Amino acid sequence: MRVAGLLLAAGAGRRFGSPKALVPLHGKLFVDSAAELLRAAGCDPVVVVLGAQAAEVRRQATLQGVTVVDNPHWDTGMGSSLRTGLHAVGSADAVVVLPVDTPGVTVEALHRLMALAGPEVLARATYDGEIGHPVLIGSDHFAGVMASAAGDQGARDYLRSNTVRHVECADVADGADIDRPEDLGRRTGGA
């Protein structure tokens, strides 16, 4: 079973104050840490979608062993990045979708979803019952997800109207989004 990794790293990070792809944590940029996580989990290929300040992200980031694509319509929301990334994935049986601003996701959480991979499967991580990321999308669903992905909703509407397996991951990961600098401060124990 070939499972691709799709890293959504195109947003401007308006609430954060800068693109979250460029946020450093423990000596690495979010975009590099997340891409390395997908590779470490065995995703193949790993596709990274850039948008806001893409040239600066390319300049600062390592992004080794991944396919980097630009979303020229990144400012319309996550939906366009999801479509751009799914087009770039190619012929995988499934894809694990991870937003760049979830640094608490672990290889173990990815493996739990990847273990369910199949063309017909939809699955998403939950944390103490709350839905979160990553999301696993089987290839049978790529066209439907691309057709419904709009604005900042991503695959949300498509997932709501289909059967999705929920995979509890709170015991192995933290699914919290980092939306503002203070979220990062809480995560690192700093201010």
Protein backbone atom coordinates (compact mmCIF):
# COMPACT_ATOMS: atom_id res chain seq x y z
CA MET A 1 0.00 0.00 0.00
CA ARG A 2 1.54 3.30 -1.10
CA VAL A 3 0.68 6.16 1.23
CA ALA A 4 1.74 9.67 0.27
CA GLY A 5 2.26 12.52 2.69
CA LEU A 6 0.76 15.93 1.94
CA LEU A 7 1.98 18.90 3.97
CA LEU A 8 -0.14 22.04 3.71
CA ALA A 9 2.24 24.95 4.33
CA ALA A 10 0.91 27.73 2.09
CA GLY A 11 -0.94 30.04 4.49
CA ALA A 12 0.10 33.54 5.46
CA GLY A 13 -0.39 32.87 9.18
CA ARG A 14 -2.36 36.09 9.63
CA ARG A 15 -3.26 35.31 13.26
CA PHE A 16 0.31 34.26 13.95
CA GLY A 17 1.81 37.31 12.27
CA SER A 18 3.89 35.44 9.69
CA PRO A 19 3.70 32.26 7.58
CA LYS A 20 3.78 29.32 9.97
CA ALA A 21 6.04 27.42 7.59
CA LEU A 22 8.80 29.81 8.74
CA VAL A 23 8.18 29.47 12.49
CA PRO A 24 11.18 27.95 14.32
CA LEU A 25 10.72 25.34 17.04
CA HIS A 26 13.60 23.46 18.67
CA GLY A 27 16.03 24.72 16.05
CA LYS A 28 13.98 23.75 12.97
CA LEU A 29 11.34 25.47 10.91
CA PHE A 30 7.81 24.06 11.20
CA VAL A 31 7.90 23.17 7.49
CA ASP A 32 11.11 21.15 7.82
CA SER A 33 10.00 19.35 10.98
CA ALA A 34 6.65 18.39 9.47
CA ALA A 35 8.17 17.24 6.16
CA GLU A 36 10.74 15.15 8.05
CA LEU A 37 7.94 13.66 10.17
CA LEU A 38 6.04 12.51 7.07
CA ARG A 39 9.22 11.02 5.61
CA ALA A 40 10.09 9.30 8.90
CA ALA A 41 6.62 7.71 8.92
CA GLY A 42 7.34 6.18 5.51
CA CYS A 43 5.12 8.39 3.35
CA ASP A 44 6.10 8.25 -0.32
CA PRO A 45 6.08 10.70 -1.94
CA VAL A 46 5.95 13.63 0.45
CA VAL A 47 4.44 16.70 -1.21
CA VAL A 48 4.81 20.14 0.40
CA VAL A 49 2.46 22.89 -0.78
CA LEU A 50 3.82 26.42 -0.42
CA GLY A 51 2.13 29.76 -1.06
CA ALA A 52 2.70 32.83 1.10
CA GLN A 53 6.36 33.87 0.93
CA ALA A 54 7.18 30.68 -0.99
CA ALA A 55 10.53 32.05 -2.17
CA GLU A 56 11.54 32.86 1.43
CA VAL A 57 10.43 29.43 2.64
CA ARG A 58 12.55 27.82 -0.09
CA ARG A 59 15.50 30.02 0.89
CA GLN A 60 15.34 29.23 4.62
CA ALA A 61 14.05 25.65 4.66
CA THR A 62 15.92 22.43 3.94
CA LEU A 63 13.04 20.50 2.35
CA GLN A 64 15.16 17.50 1.40
CA GLY A 65 13.64 14.40 -0.17
CA VAL A 66 10.27 16.02 -0.79
CA THR A 67 8.36 17.39 -3.77
CA VAL A 68 7.65 21.10 -3.35
CA VAL A 69 4.77 22.67 -5.28
CA ASP A 70 3.46 26.22 -5.26
CA ASN A 71 -0.21 27.04 -4.88
CA PRO A 72 -0.70 30.27 -6.85
CA HIS A 73 -4.14 30.65 -5.26
CA TRP A 74 -3.01 30.11 -1.64
CA ASP A 75 -4.78 33.30 -0.52
CA THR A 76 -8.19 31.75 -1.30
CA GLY A 77 -7.77 29.31 1.60
CA MET A 78 -6.71 25.78 2.48
CA GLY A 79 -9.05 24.22 -0.09
CA SER A 80 -6.91 25.36 -3.01
CA SER A 81 -3.76 24.02 -1.32
CA LEU A 82 -5.45 20.67 -0.77
CA ARG A 83 -6.42 20.51 -4.46
CA THR A 84 -2.91 21.55 -5.55
CA GLY A 85 -1.33 18.91 -3.31
CA LEU A 86 -3.65 16.07 -4.33
CA HIS A 87 -2.91 16.81 -7.99
CA ALA A 88 0.82 16.57 -7.22
CA VAL A 89 0.59 13.31 -5.22
CA GLY A 90 0.08 11.13 -8.28
CA SER A 91 -0.86 7.46 -8.04
CA ALA A 92 -0.75 6.74 -4.30
CA ASP A 93 -3.34 4.43 -2.71
CA ALA A 94 -3.96 7.01 0.00
CA VAL A 95 -2.57 10.27 1.35
CA VAL A 96 -2.01 11.52 4.88
CA VAL A 97 -2.78 15.25 5.03
CA LEU A 98 -1.00 17.30 7.68
CA PRO A 99 -1.17 21.07 8.21
CA VAL A 100 2.17 22.70 8.98
CA ASP A 101 0.93 24.14 12.29
CA THR A 102 0.49 20.87 14.22
CA PRO A 103 4.00 20.25 15.61
CA GLY A 104 2.74 17.82 18.26
CA VAL A 105 1.79 15.14 15.72
CA THR A 106 4.09 12.12 15.93
CA VAL A 107 5.19 9.21 13.75
CA GLU A 108 3.07 6.97 15.99
CA ALA A 109 -0.07 8.98 15.21
CA LEU A 110 0.72 8.88 11.48
CA HIS A 111 1.27 5.11 11.65
CA ARG A 112 -2.12 4.60 13.29
CA LEU A 113 -3.83 6.23 10.33
CA MET A 114 -1.52 4.70 7.72
CA ALA A 115 -2.32 1.21 9.07
CA LEU A 116 -5.88 1.75 7.81
CA ALA A 117 -4.82 2.93 4.35
CA GLY A 118 -6.71 1.77 1.31
CA PRO A 119 -8.26 3.47 -1.70
CA GLU A 120 -11.73 3.41 -0.12
CA VAL A 121 -10.75 4.61 3.38
CA LEU A 122 -11.30 7.95 5.07
CA ALA A 123 -9.87 8.36 8.58
CA ARG A 124 -8.86 11.17 10.88
CA ALA A 125 -7.05 11.52 14.13
CA THR A 126 -8.95 12.43 17.27
CA TYR A 127 -7.57 13.73 20.53
CA ASP A 128 -9.67 12.85 23.56
CA GLY A 129 -12.61 12.56 21.18
CA GLU A 130 -12.01 15.91 19.44
CA ILE A 131 -11.41 15.62 15.68
CA GLY A 132 -8.07 16.85 14.43
CA HIS A 133 -5.17 16.08 12.10
CA PRO A 134 -3.76 14.20 10.34
CA VAL A 135 -6.46 13.04 7.94
CA LEU A 136 -6.12 9.95 5.74
CA ILE A 137 -7.80 10.14 2.33
CA GLY A 138 -7.98 7.03 0.16
CA SER A 139 -7.48 7.53 -3.58
CA ASP A 140 -11.13 6.66 -4.36
CA HIS A 141 -11.95 9.95 -2.61
CA PHE A 142 -9.36 12.23 -4.24
CA ALA A 143 -11.73 13.53 -6.95
CA GLY A 144 -14.56 14.12 -4.47
CA VAL A 145 -12.30 15.94 -2.04
CA MET A 146 -10.88 18.12 -4.83
CA ALA A 147 -14.39 18.95 -6.05
CA SER A 148 -15.59 19.97 -2.59
CA ALA A 149 -12.45 21.68 -1.20
CA ALA A 150 -13.13 25.40 -1.06
CA GLY A 151 -12.06 28.33 1.07
CA ASP A 152 -10.60 27.40 4.44
CA GLN A 153 -12.78 24.31 4.77
CA GLY A 154 -10.34 21.93 3.09
CA ALA A 155 -11.92 18.46 3.11
CA ARG A 156 -14.29 19.21 6.02
CA ASP A 157 -17.55 19.14 4.03
CA TYR A 158 -16.55 16.00 2.15
CA LEU A 159 -15.59 14.23 5.37
CA ARG A 160 -18.90 15.24 6.99
CA SER A 161 -20.89 13.64 4.17
CA ASN A 162 -18.95 10.35 4.11
CA THR A 163 -18.07 7.58 6.55
CA VAL A 164 -14.85 8.45 8.38
CA ARG A 165 -13.01 6.25 10.86
CA HIS A 166 -11.90 8.15 13.94
CA VAL A 167 -8.51 7.13 15.32
CA GLU A 168 -7.73 8.16 18.88
CA CYS A 169 -4.18 9.52 19.12
CA ALA A 170 -4.09 11.54 22.36
CA ASP A 171 -1.94 8.88 24.01
CA VAL A 172 0.83 9.27 21.41
CA ALA A 173 0.51 12.84 20.08
CA ASP A 174 -0.75 16.37 20.62
CA GLY A 175 -3.01 17.57 17.85
CA ALA A 176 -3.21 21.23 18.89
CA ASP A 177 -2.92 23.83 16.13
CA ILE A 178 -0.48 26.66 16.68
CA ASP A 179 -2.51 29.67 15.59
CA ARG A 180 -0.92 32.49 17.58
CA PRO A 181 2.54 33.09 19.07
CA GLU A 182 1.15 32.52 22.58
CA ASP A 183 0.10 29.00 21.51
CA LEU A 184 3.73 28.28 20.73
CA GLY A 185 4.78 29.74 24.08
CA ARG A 186 2.45 27.36 25.92
CA ARG A 187 3.77 24.45 23.87
CA THR A 188 7.43 25.17 24.65
CA GLY A 189 6.86 26.25 28.25
CA GLY A 190 8.03 29.75 27.42
CA ALA A 191 6.16 33.01 27.18
